[in-house]
Amino acid sequence: MSERRIMIVTHTRRPEATVAARSTARALIERGVVVMAPSDEAARLDVPGLVPVTPDESGSAAAGCEVVVVLGGDGTVLRAAERARGVGVPLVGVNLGHIGFLAELESEDLAEVVDAVVAREYRVEERMTVDARILAGGVQVAHTWALNEISIEKGPKDRMLDLTVDVDGRPLSRWACDGLVCATPTGSTAYSFSAGGPVVWPEVEALLVVPLSAHALFARPLVTAPTSAIGVDIVAPEKQGVLWADGRRSFPLPRNARIEVRRHPEPVAFARLRSAPFTDRLVAKFALPIDGWRGAAEARR
């Protein structure tokens, strides 16, 4: 029988995450599972039997693992997605940050995580990602992807960007703005949400386009088809700006750059231990007021 392997990715600068990772790794190792961790994190955790691996963005470090257990906030989940997406290994997120919208569980659920992973009692859910290309003079100069969003932003010394936007090859509008966010449904509760974009249920497949502080009458958030191709051109030659992927990877934009965003063929997989409705997650994460709710059954009385 082949050995079972699981990777742990931890926000080791959070003491509570380090403590949780040590206890989780020990519990899994005691139950006969080979537990791996990125080499720098493994050194900090210092758990006997923990196998250090060299991470890379192709996801090959997670190849052969059943799941990646992520202990931290949304930033840690995004970092783990870089490690696992290329090989399709699902993530189990345990929130040890602030809101932690990408993480399904909280620190008090660690024992449940260990039991479910060992028993393989979880379902795998795929989330769409986006692909972005930067072109200069029609030539591709950079290529990246994102789980939450691609954001095009002005540089620190720039006042505004002058952008034209097209959808599926047809011109849509021109905006003088601070930038633009192209988000997935998963990212609708991240940067897009802060910019006034809609919250989109994860089961919906769509691509969001949200202008940032645009000076225009028509500057509303847009929900396009998942097959749509979004094109963004920087009009003013003296304006450059920067492209961010999930707020983690940045790419300088050359003069007169064109950015093309569309759905990426490779999703990110999440291992879900529970079947709680997305509405309940919204209420819990944002502490939404629901006092006075009677429900459909009560309303019919």
Protein backbone atom coordinates (compact mmCIF):
# COMPACT_ATOMS: atom_id res chain seq x y z
CA MET A 1 0.00 0.00 0.00
CA SER A 2 1.47 3.37 -1.05
CA GLU A 3 2.11 5.98 1.61
CA ARG A 4 -0.33 8.81 2.10
CA ARG A 5 1.08 12.32 1.82
CA ILE A 6 -0.31 15.67 2.97
CA MET A 7 1.27 19.11 2.80
CA ILE A 8 0.91 21.82 5.44
CA VAL A 9 1.30 25.51 4.57
CA THR A 10 1.47 27.88 7.54
CA HIS A 11 1.63 31.58 8.31
CA THR A 12 4.62 30.97 10.58
CA ARG A 13 4.87 34.63 11.58
CA ARG A 14 1.65 34.16 13.54
CA PRO A 15 2.47 32.32 16.79
CA GLU A 16 -1.02 30.79 16.97
CA ALA A 17 -0.62 29.41 13.43
CA THR A 18 2.74 27.87 14.30
CA VAL A 19 1.28 26.19 17.39
CA ALA A 20 -1.67 24.90 15.37
CA ALA A 21 0.60 23.60 12.60
CA ARG A 22 2.78 21.70 15.05
CA SER A 23 -0.18 19.98 16.69
CA THR A 24 -1.78 19.18 13.31
CA ALA A 25 1.46 17.78 11.89
CA ARG A 26 2.07 15.62 14.97
CA ALA A 27 -1.50 14.28 14.91
CA LEU A 28 -1.28 13.33 11.24
CA ILE A 29 2.16 11.75 11.59
CA GLU A 30 0.94 9.69 14.55
CA ARG A 31 -1.81 8.33 12.30
CA GLY A 32 0.64 7.14 9.68
CA VAL A 33 0.47 10.04 7.24
CA VAL A 34 3.60 11.51 5.66
CA VAL A 35 3.42 15.26 6.34
CA MET A 36 5.34 17.71 4.17
CA ALA A 37 5.94 21.46 4.49
CA PRO A 38 7.86 24.11 2.54
CA SER A 39 11.46 23.94 3.70
CA ASP A 40 11.54 27.36 5.40
CA GLU A 41 8.34 26.62 7.30
CA ALA A 42 9.44 23.10 8.22
CA ALA A 43 12.57 24.54 9.86
CA ARG A 44 10.46 26.89 11.99
CA LEU A 45 7.95 24.19 12.96
CA ASP A 46 10.69 21.73 14.00
CA VAL A 47 8.42 18.67 14.20
CA PRO A 48 10.12 15.23 14.17
CA GLY A 49 9.19 13.37 11.00
CA LEU A 50 8.06 16.48 9.10
CA VAL A 51 9.43 16.31 5.53
CA PRO A 52 10.76 19.61 4.08
CA VAL A 53 10.14 20.28 0.38
CA THR A 54 11.31 23.03 -1.93
CA PRO A 55 8.28 25.00 -3.15
CA ASP A 56 7.82 26.37 -6.64
CA GLU A 57 4.96 28.04 -8.49
CA SER A 58 4.35 25.04 -10.77
CA GLY A 59 2.74 23.16 -7.89
CA SER A 60 5.11 20.23 -8.31
CA ALA A 61 6.06 20.32 -4.62
CA ALA A 62 2.51 19.25 -3.79
CA ALA A 63 2.40 16.51 -6.43
CA GLY A 64 1.28 13.21 -4.95
CA CYS A 65 -0.33 14.84 -1.90
CA GLU A 66 -3.99 14.19 -1.11
CA VAL A 67 -4.66 17.67 0.26
CA VAL A 68 -2.85 20.81 1.36
CA VAL A 69 -3.88 21.93 4.87
CA VAL A 70 -3.55 25.71 5.10
CA LEU A 71 -3.20 27.39 8.50
CA GLY A 72 -3.45 31.17 8.32
CA GLY A 73 -5.50 33.88 6.66
CA ASP A 74 -6.53 34.52 3.06
CA GLY A 75 -2.99 35.49 2.10
CA THR A 76 -1.73 32.10 3.24
CA VAL A 77 -4.47 30.36 1.24
CA LEU A 78 -3.46 32.32 -1.88
CA ARG A 79 0.16 31.31 -1.33
CA ALA A 80 -0.87 27.68 -0.95
CA ALA A 81 -2.90 27.94 -4.17
CA GLU A 82 0.32 28.84 -5.98
CA ARG A 83 1.84 25.64 -4.65
CA ALA A 84 -1.04 23.29 -5.49
CA ARG A 85 -2.97 24.57 -8.51
CA GLY A 86 -0.66 23.13 -11.14
CA VAL A 87 -1.21 19.58 -9.90
CA GLY A 88 -4.87 19.90 -8.84
CA VAL A 89 -4.35 19.13 -5.14
CA PRO A 90 -7.26 20.53 -3.08
CA LEU A 91 -6.80 23.00 -0.22
CA VAL A 92 -8.31 22.79 3.26
CA GLY A 93 -8.25 26.27 4.80
CA VAL A 94 -8.23 26.85 8.57
CA ASN A 95 -8.61 30.54 9.38
CA LEU A 96 -6.04 31.92 11.79
CA GLY A 97 -6.12 35.44 10.34
CA HIS A 98 -8.80 38.11 10.33
CA ILE A 99 -11.91 37.56 8.16
CA GLY A 100 -10.40 34.59 6.36
CA PHE A 101 -13.06 34.25 3.68
CA LEU A 102 -11.16 31.62 1.70
CA ALA A 103 -10.80 29.38 4.75
CA GLU A 104 -13.77 27.20 5.59
CA LEU A 105 -12.88 26.32 9.17
CA GLU A 106 -11.65 28.02 12.33
CA SER A 107 -8.87 27.13 14.79
CA GLU A 108 -11.26 25.24 17.08
CA ASP A 109 -11.99 22.84 14.19
CA LEU A 110 -8.44 21.44 13.92
CA ALA A 111 -9.36 18.03 15.37
CA GLU A 112 -12.19 17.78 12.82
CA VAL A 113 -9.74 18.60 10.04
CA VAL A 114 -7.37 15.82 11.07
CA ASP A 115 -10.19 13.26 11.36
CA ALA A 116 -11.74 14.23 8.02
CA VAL A 117 -8.43 14.20 6.16
CA VAL A 118 -7.44 10.81 7.56
CA ALA A 119 -10.88 9.34 6.77
CA ARG A 120 -11.02 11.12 3.37
CA GLU A 121 -14.38 12.59 4.37
CA TYR A 122 -14.53 15.68 2.21
CA ARG A 123 -15.78 16.76 -1.18
CA VAL A 124 -13.73 18.64 -3.75
CA GLU A 125 -15.01 21.95 -5.12
CA GLU A 126 -13.34 23.75 -8.02
CA ARG A 127 -13.10 27.54 -8.23
CA MET A 128 -12.46 29.34 -11.50
CA THR A 129 -9.30 31.38 -11.97
CA VAL A 130 -8.35 34.16 -14.38
CA ASP A 131 -5.54 34.45 -16.89
CA ALA A 132 -3.83 37.76 -17.67
CA ARG A 133 -1.42 38.74 -20.43
CA ILE A 134 0.46 42.03 -20.74
CA LEU A 135 1.30 43.10 -24.29
CA ALA A 136 3.50 45.90 -25.61
CA GLY A 137 3.39 46.58 -29.34
CA GLY A 138 1.39 43.39 -29.79
CA VAL A 139 4.11 41.28 -28.14
CA GLN A 140 3.48 39.45 -24.87
CA VAL A 141 5.84 40.68 -22.14
CA ALA A 142 4.26 39.01 -19.08
CA HIS A 143 1.75 36.27 -18.30
CA THR A 144 0.13 35.37 -14.97
CA TRP A 145 -3.02 34.04 -13.29
CA ALA A 146 -5.11 34.74 -10.20
CA LEU A 147 -7.68 33.06 -7.97
CA ASN A 148 -9.23 36.27 -6.62
CA GLU A 149 -8.47 39.06 -9.04
CA ILE A 150 -6.24 40.83 -11.49
CA SER A 151 -5.94 44.52 -10.63
CA ILE A 152 -4.54 47.26 -12.85
CA GLU A 153 -3.43 50.17 -10.68
CA LYS A 154 -1.77 53.53 -11.05
CA GLY A 155 1.81 53.94 -9.92
CA PRO A 156 2.60 55.71 -6.64
CA LYS A 157 3.45 58.99 -8.42
CA ASP A 158 0.62 58.88 -10.97
CA ARG A 159 -2.57 60.84 -10.49
CA MET A 160 -4.86 58.68 -12.63
CA LEU A 161 -4.82 56.11 -15.37
CA ASP A 162 -6.55 56.72 -18.70
CA LEU A 163 -8.01 53.37 -19.77
CA THR A 164 -10.16 52.07 -22.58
CA VAL A 165 -12.00 48.79 -21.94
CA ASP A 166 -13.36 46.32 -24.47
CA VAL A 167 -15.35 43.14 -23.95
CA ASP A 168 -15.19 40.30 -26.49
CA GLY A 169 -13.44 42.55 -28.96
CA ARG A 170 -16.01 45.36 -28.85
CA PRO A 171 -15.26 48.77 -27.25
CA LEU A 172 -17.13 49.44 -24.01
CA SER A 173 -15.94 52.69 -22.43
CA ARG A 174 -13.04 54.96 -21.52
CA TRP A 175 -12.30 55.78 -17.90
CA ALA A 176 -9.99 58.16 -16.09
CA CYS A 177 -9.58 56.20 -12.89
CA ASP A 178 -7.31 54.83 -10.19
CA GLY A 179 -7.41 51.44 -11.87
CA LEU A 180 -9.54 48.41 -12.66
CA VAL A 181 -10.25 45.06 -11.00
CA CYS A 182 -11.09 41.90 -12.96
CA ALA A 183 -12.33 39.40 -10.38
CA THR A 184 -13.67 35.87 -10.14
CA PRO A 185 -16.72 34.96 -8.02
CA THR A 186 -14.25 33.81 -5.35
CA GLY A 187 -12.63 37.24 -5.48
CA SER A 188 -15.97 39.06 -5.29
CA THR A 189 -15.56 39.24 -1.49
CA ALA A 190 -11.99 40.59 -1.72
CA TYR A 191 -10.65 43.68 -3.54
CA SER A 192 -13.70 43.83 -5.82
CA PHE A 193 -15.97 44.02 -2.76
CA SER A 194 -13.95 46.89 -1.29
CA ALA A 195 -14.29 48.74 -4.60
CA GLY A 196 -18.09 48.43 -4.58
CA GLY A 197 -18.45 45.31 -6.70
CA PRO A 198 -21.24 42.75 -6.20
CA VAL A 199 -20.96 39.65 -4.05
CA VAL A 200 -21.29 36.64 -6.35
CA TRP A 201 -22.15 33.15 -5.10
CA PRO A 202 -19.31 30.67 -5.81
CA GLU A 203 -21.56 28.43 -7.90
CA VAL A 204 -22.01 31.25 -10.42
CA GLU A 205 -19.44 31.32 -13.20
CA ALA A 206 -18.72 34.91 -14.24
CA LEU A 207 -15.97 37.48 -14.65
CA LEU A 208 -16.37 40.81 -12.83
CA VAL A 209 -15.07 44.15 -14.09
CA VAL A 210 -14.94 46.86 -11.41
CA PRO A 211 -13.48 50.34 -12.11
CA LEU A 212 -11.63 52.02 -9.25
CA SER A 213 -12.73 55.60 -8.51
CA ALA A 214 -13.58 56.29 -12.16
CA HIS A 215 -14.56 59.81 -13.26
CA ALA A 216 -17.40 58.88 -15.61
CA LEU A 217 -21.18 58.68 -15.67
CA PHE A 218 -21.02 55.01 -16.69
CA ALA A 219 -18.61 53.44 -14.25
CA ARG A 220 -20.68 50.68 -12.67
CA PRO A 221 -19.38 47.22 -11.77
CA LEU A 222 -20.02 44.76 -14.59
CA VAL A 223 -20.73 41.03 -14.51
CA THR A 224 -19.65 39.44 -17.78
CA ALA A 225 -19.88 35.89 -19.08
CA PRO A 226 -17.27 33.36 -17.94
CA THR A 227 -16.25 33.07 -21.61
CA SER A 228 -15.75 36.83 -22.02
CA ALA A 229 -12.39 38.33 -22.95
CA ILE A 230 -11.64 41.66 -21.25
CA GLY A 231 -9.21 44.02 -22.93
CA VAL A 232 -7.73 47.07 -21.22
CA ASP A 233 -5.52 49.63 -23.02
CA ILE A 234 -3.57 52.40 -21.32
CA VAL A 235 -4.26 55.39 -23.53
CA ALA A 236 -1.95 58.15 -22.26
CA PRO A 237 1.63 57.19 -23.20
CA GLU A 238 3.15 58.87 -20.13
CA LYS A 239 1.04 56.70 -17.79
CA GLN A 240 2.37 53.27 -16.91
CA GLY A 241 1.01 51.68 -13.74
CA VAL A 242 1.31 48.14 -12.39
CA LEU A 243 -0.62 44.89 -12.66
CA TRP A 244 -1.18 42.84 -9.51
CA ALA A 245 -2.23 39.19 -9.40
CA ASP A 246 -4.05 38.39 -6.13
CA GLY A 247 -2.14 41.26 -4.52
CA ARG A 248 0.89 38.96 -4.38
CA ARG A 249 2.65 39.13 -7.74
CA SER A 250 3.27 42.47 -9.46
CA PHE A 251 4.22 43.32 -13.04
CA PRO A 252 5.18 46.79 -14.25
CA LEU A 253 3.10 47.98 -17.18
CA PRO A 254 5.05 49.37 -20.14
CA ARG A 255 3.92 52.52 -21.92
CA ASN A 256 0.83 52.03 -24.10
CA ALA A 257 0.38 48.57 -22.58
CA ARG A 258 -2.56 46.33 -23.35
CA ILE A 259 -3.84 43.85 -20.77
CA GLU A 260 -6.01 40.90 -21.76
CA VAL A 261 -7.92 38.99 -19.08
CA ARG A 262 -10.00 35.87 -19.52
CA ARG A 263 -10.87 32.66 -17.72
CA HIS A 264 -7.89 30.39 -17.05
CA PRO A 265 -8.35 26.71 -17.97
CA GLU A 266 -6.88 25.52 -14.63
CA PRO A 267 -9.13 25.98 -11.56
CA VAL A 268 -8.10 25.88 -7.90
CA ALA A 269 -9.56 22.96 -5.93
CA PHE A 270 -10.82 23.23 -2.35
CA ALA A 271 -11.62 20.29 -0.07
CA ARG A 272 -14.87 21.06 1.73
CA LEU A 273 -15.64 19.30 5.01
CA ARG A 274 -19.04 20.89 5.49
CA SER A 275 -21.99 21.80 3.31
CA ALA A 276 -22.94 25.13 4.92
CA PRO A 277 -24.73 27.50 2.51
CA PHE A 278 -22.74 30.45 1.20
CA THR A 279 -25.33 32.76 2.77
CA ASP A 280 -24.35 31.47 6.22
CA ARG A 281 -20.68 32.11 5.45
CA LEU A 282 -21.47 35.69 4.44
CA VAL A 283 -23.41 36.29 7.64
CA ALA A 284 -20.67 34.78 9.82
CA LYS A 285 -17.67 36.41 8.14
CA PHE A 286 -19.17 39.91 7.90
CA ALA A 287 -21.20 39.71 11.12
CA LEU A 288 -24.34 40.68 9.19
CA PRO A 289 -27.42 41.63 11.25
CA ILE A 290 -30.16 39.01 10.92
CA ASP A 291 -32.24 39.91 13.99
CA GLY A 292 -35.93 39.79 13.13
CA TRP A 293 -35.59 37.12 10.46
CA ARG A 294 -38.49 34.70 10.71
CA GLY A 295 -37.85 32.45 7.72
CA ALA A 296 -40.28 31.21 5.09
CA ALA A 297 -41.95 28.64 7.38
CA GLU A 298 -42.59 31.20 10.12
CA ALA A 299 -43.82 33.82 7.61
CA ARG A 300 -46.54 31.45 6.32
CA ARG A 301 -48.13 31.11 9.75
